[in-house]
Amino acid sequence: MRHCCTSQRSVLATTVVLGIAASFGVLPTASAAPTSVGNAATYATYERSRENEAANRAFFEAVRRSVAEQRAAKPSALVVAITYNTGNAPSFRGQISLAVQIWNSSVSNVKLQEVSSGGNFSYYEGNDSRGSYASTDGHGRGYIFLDYRQNQQYNSTRVTTHETGHVLGLPDHYSGPCSELMSGGGPGASCTNPYPDSQERSHVDQLWRNGQVQSGTDTQIG
């Protein structure tokens, strides 16, 4: 399936309004030049916006609630498992697999685990003027949308790993260097680094330590 079907697109159009989060370097507005390579000022403006802050928090809280449901069955577990499915993003299975490998080898207190259906969050693919983003579905679950055009302009593995970082509680920090994963598109399309730096890894482990999840957006990276 190369493009999202009509019914799926309708669902996404409805749910996106409930919590657009963490666009990979584009302003989530109809008037923006959505999937073109932006500039530092554009990224910085969006990063500081109340919309971005609220959306980051909404997405992470949705994942927290979802994880809490499964943790009720295993309250003594010290490592949190976050499940996901890729059924609606077949074109990006390779990038998603790499992103998951990167995160699972980078942090200790939380692990990403693929399931055939359902899960704590899902990946979707298609065309969207806002580019790639993480969002909520309004029912306690999250999803990551991967935009075709943006993944052609930027390193696709970096885009996917960046968006997956929001699942783990990391906010955008577009003013950061290329070595910082959550700087997203801030350093420009020439930045291809798909790995979180030591501070980002430490922050994720802190958020998910001892099998408990802390508030994800109280502390900014950087």
Protein backbone atom coordinates (compact mmCIF):
# COMPACT_ATOMS: atom_id res chain seq x y z
CA MET A 1 0.00 0.00 0.00
CA ARG A 2 1.75 3.11 -1.24
CA HIS A 3 -0.68 5.74 0.04
CA CYS A 4 -3.16 5.95 2.90
CA CYS A 5 -6.61 4.84 1.89
CA THR A 6 -9.58 7.24 2.00
CA SER A 7 -11.05 5.90 5.23
CA GLN A 8 -7.70 6.01 7.01
CA ARG A 9 -7.07 9.55 5.84
CA SER A 10 -10.47 10.57 7.19
CA VAL A 11 -9.63 9.12 10.57
CA LEU A 12 -6.27 10.89 10.64
CA ALA A 13 -7.82 14.20 9.64
CA THR A 14 -10.16 13.92 12.62
CA THR A 15 -7.65 12.77 15.20
CA VAL A 16 -4.84 15.14 14.26
CA VAL A 17 -6.87 18.07 15.58
CA LEU A 18 -6.90 16.44 19.01
CA GLY A 19 -3.16 16.76 19.48
CA ILE A 20 -0.62 17.56 16.79
CA ALA A 21 2.76 16.94 18.36
CA ALA A 22 6.35 17.39 17.43
CA SER A 23 6.48 18.13 13.74
CA PHE A 24 9.93 17.33 12.36
CA GLY A 25 10.78 20.91 11.55
CA VAL A 26 7.65 22.35 9.95
CA LEU A 27 4.86 24.49 11.34
CA PRO A 28 1.60 22.51 11.50
CA THR A 29 -0.48 25.16 9.72
CA ALA A 30 -2.13 25.14 6.33
CA SER A 31 -0.22 28.24 5.23
CA ALA A 32 3.23 26.86 6.02
CA ALA A 33 5.57 25.58 3.31
CA PRO A 34 5.13 22.27 5.03
CA THR A 35 7.56 19.74 3.68
CA SER A 36 10.22 22.02 2.25
CA VAL A 37 13.52 22.43 4.05
CA GLY A 38 12.92 25.14 6.64
CA ASN A 39 15.24 27.54 8.42
CA ALA A 40 16.43 27.91 12.01
CA ALA A 41 14.00 30.75 12.76
CA THR A 42 11.03 28.65 11.64
CA TYR A 43 12.06 25.74 13.84
CA ALA A 44 12.77 27.96 16.85
CA THR A 45 9.40 29.69 16.59
CA TYR A 46 7.53 26.39 16.55
CA GLU A 47 9.63 24.91 19.34
CA ARG A 48 8.73 27.80 21.67
CA SER A 49 5.04 27.79 20.79
CA ARG A 50 2.38 26.84 23.30
CA GLU A 51 0.93 24.53 20.68
CA ASN A 52 4.10 22.49 20.49
CA GLU A 53 4.49 22.31 24.27
CA ALA A 54 0.88 21.24 24.76
CA ALA A 55 1.05 18.73 21.92
CA ASN A 56 4.26 17.12 23.23
CA ARG A 57 2.64 16.74 26.64
CA ALA A 58 -0.62 15.36 25.21
CA PHE A 59 1.17 12.73 23.17
CA PHE A 60 3.41 11.56 26.00
CA GLU A 61 0.49 11.48 28.45
CA ALA A 62 -1.45 9.29 26.00
CA VAL A 63 1.44 6.83 25.85
CA ARG A 64 1.79 6.93 29.65
CA ARG A 65 -1.87 6.03 30.13
CA SER A 66 -1.62 3.23 27.62
CA VAL A 67 1.49 1.78 29.24
CA ALA A 68 -0.12 2.05 32.69
CA GLU A 69 -2.86 -0.32 31.57
CA GLN A 70 -0.44 -3.10 30.69
CA ARG A 71 1.75 -2.43 33.74
CA ALA A 72 -1.18 -3.17 36.01
CA ALA A 73 -0.71 -6.82 35.09
CA LYS A 74 3.04 -6.74 35.92
CA PRO A 75 3.50 -4.11 38.65
CA SER A 76 6.93 -5.40 39.71
CA ALA A 77 8.58 -5.14 36.29
CA LEU A 78 11.62 -2.85 36.29
CA VAL A 79 11.71 -2.41 32.51
CA VAL A 80 8.76 -0.78 30.80
CA ALA A 81 7.62 -2.33 27.51
CA ILE A 82 6.02 -0.01 24.93
CA THR A 83 4.29 -1.87 22.12
CA TYR A 84 3.73 -0.62 18.60
CA ASN A 85 2.50 -1.83 15.22
CA THR A 86 3.57 -0.95 11.69
CA GLY A 87 0.59 -2.29 9.76
CA ASN A 88 -0.29 1.14 8.38
CA ALA A 89 3.28 2.10 7.45
CA PRO A 90 4.57 -0.77 5.27
CA SER A 91 6.89 1.47 3.23
CA PHE A 92 8.80 2.48 6.36
CA ARG A 93 9.23 -0.88 8.04
CA GLY A 94 12.99 -0.75 7.46
CA GLN A 95 13.39 2.72 8.96
CA ILE A 96 11.11 1.84 11.88
CA SER A 97 13.11 -1.31 12.57
CA LEU A 98 16.34 0.70 12.62
CA ALA A 99 14.80 3.38 14.83
CA VAL A 100 13.65 0.75 17.32
CA GLN A 101 17.05 -0.94 17.30
CA ILE A 102 18.73 2.40 17.96
CA TRP A 103 16.49 3.23 20.90
CA ASN A 104 16.51 -0.26 22.40
CA SER A 105 20.31 -0.31 22.33
CA SER A 106 20.54 3.23 23.72
CA VAL A 107 18.37 3.02 26.85
CA SER A 108 17.85 0.44 29.59
CA ASN A 109 14.65 1.26 31.47
CA VAL A 110 12.22 1.10 28.56
CA LYS A 111 12.01 -1.11 25.48
CA LEU A 112 10.01 -0.89 22.27
CA GLN A 113 8.32 -4.11 21.17
CA GLU A 114 6.45 -4.75 17.90
CA VAL A 115 3.03 -6.39 17.93
CA SER A 116 0.91 -7.49 14.97
CA SER A 117 -2.03 -5.26 15.88
CA GLY A 118 -3.09 -2.76 18.52
CA GLY A 119 -0.25 -1.70 20.80
CA ASN A 120 0.46 1.47 22.73
CA PHE A 121 1.02 3.40 19.52
CA SER A 122 0.98 2.90 15.75
CA TYR A 123 2.93 4.15 12.75
CA TYR A 124 1.11 5.57 9.71
CA GLU A 125 2.37 6.78 6.34
CA GLY A 126 1.08 9.07 3.63
CA ASN A 127 1.09 12.66 2.39
CA ASP A 128 0.45 15.46 4.86
CA SER A 129 1.18 19.17 4.48
CA ARG A 130 2.50 19.26 8.05
CA GLY A 131 5.20 16.72 7.38
CA SER A 132 5.91 13.95 9.91
CA TYR A 133 4.60 14.19 13.46
CA ALA A 134 3.53 12.34 16.57
CA SER A 135 -0.04 12.74 17.78
CA THR A 136 -2.85 11.20 19.83
CA ASP A 137 -6.01 9.49 18.66
CA GLY A 138 -8.15 10.94 21.43
CA HIS A 139 -8.62 7.53 23.05
CA GLY A 140 -5.49 7.16 25.14
CA ARG A 141 -3.30 5.97 22.29
CA GLY A 142 -0.64 7.65 20.21
CA TYR A 143 0.49 7.38 16.63
CA ILE A 144 3.39 8.54 14.48
CA PHE A 145 2.69 9.79 10.97
CA LEU A 146 5.54 9.59 8.45
CA ASP A 147 5.19 11.93 5.50
CA TYR A 148 6.52 10.75 2.12
CA ARG A 149 7.91 14.04 0.86
CA GLN A 150 9.64 15.00 4.07
CA ASN A 151 11.28 11.59 4.31
CA GLN A 152 12.73 12.19 0.84
CA GLN A 153 14.17 15.58 1.81
CA TYR A 154 15.57 14.58 5.19
CA ASN A 155 17.35 11.41 6.28
CA SER A 156 14.43 9.04 6.76
CA THR A 157 15.97 7.04 9.59
CA ARG A 158 16.67 10.28 11.49
CA VAL A 159 13.08 11.42 10.94
CA THR A 160 11.69 8.11 12.21
CA THR A 161 14.02 7.87 15.20
CA HIS A 162 13.29 11.51 16.08
CA GLU A 163 9.52 10.97 16.03
CA THR A 164 9.92 7.76 18.05
CA GLY A 165 11.83 9.83 20.61
CA HIS A 166 8.54 11.62 21.37
CA VAL A 167 7.04 8.26 22.34
CA LEU A 168 9.73 8.00 24.99
CA GLY A 169 9.05 11.51 26.31
CA LEU A 170 11.59 13.73 24.56
CA PRO A 171 10.50 17.19 23.35
CA ASP A 172 11.79 18.99 20.29
CA HIS A 173 14.97 21.07 20.61
CA TYR A 174 15.48 22.47 17.12
CA SER A 175 18.22 24.86 18.23
CA GLY A 176 20.45 21.91 19.14
CA PRO A 177 23.32 20.56 17.02
CA CYS A 178 23.15 17.69 14.53
CA SER A 179 24.56 15.38 17.22
CA GLU A 180 21.31 15.86 19.14
CA LEU A 181 18.53 13.71 17.71
CA MET A 182 15.68 15.91 18.92
CA SER A 183 17.09 18.90 17.06
CA GLY A 184 15.19 17.31 14.18
CA GLY A 185 15.35 19.41 11.03
CA GLY A 186 16.94 22.37 12.80
CA PRO A 187 20.51 21.63 11.61
CA GLY A 188 19.27 21.27 8.02
CA ALA A 189 18.73 18.44 5.56
CA SER A 190 22.45 17.65 5.47
CA CYS A 191 22.23 16.29 9.03
CA THR A 192 21.82 12.52 8.87
CA ASN A 193 22.58 11.51 12.47
CA PRO A 194 19.91 9.06 13.69
CA TYR A 195 21.33 8.53 17.19
CA PRO A 196 20.32 10.21 20.47
CA ASP A 197 23.20 11.84 22.34
CA SER A 198 24.21 10.92 25.90
CA GLN A 199 21.96 13.55 27.47
CA GLU A 200 18.93 12.36 25.54
CA ARG A 201 19.62 8.74 26.46
CA SER A 202 20.03 9.65 30.10
CA HIS A 203 16.83 11.70 30.07
CA VAL A 204 14.78 8.81 28.68
CA ASP A 205 16.17 6.40 31.27
CA GLN A 206 15.38 8.92 33.98
CA LEU A 207 11.81 9.27 32.75
CA TRP A 208 11.23 5.51 32.82
CA ARG A 209 13.37 4.47 35.79
CA ASN A 210 12.39 1.58 38.09
CA GLY A 211 9.42 0.67 35.93
CA GLN A 212 7.70 3.95 36.65
CA VAL A 213 7.19 6.79 34.21
CA GLN A 214 7.73 10.39 35.21
CA SER A 215 6.26 13.48 33.57
CA GLY A 216 7.85 13.74 30.15
CA THR A 217 7.82 17.45 29.35
CA ASP A 218 8.64 19.09 32.67
CA THR A 219 12.30 19.28 31.69
CA GLN A 220 13.49 20.42 28.28
CA ILE A 221 16.47 18.84 26.58
CA GLY A 222 19.40 21.14 26.04
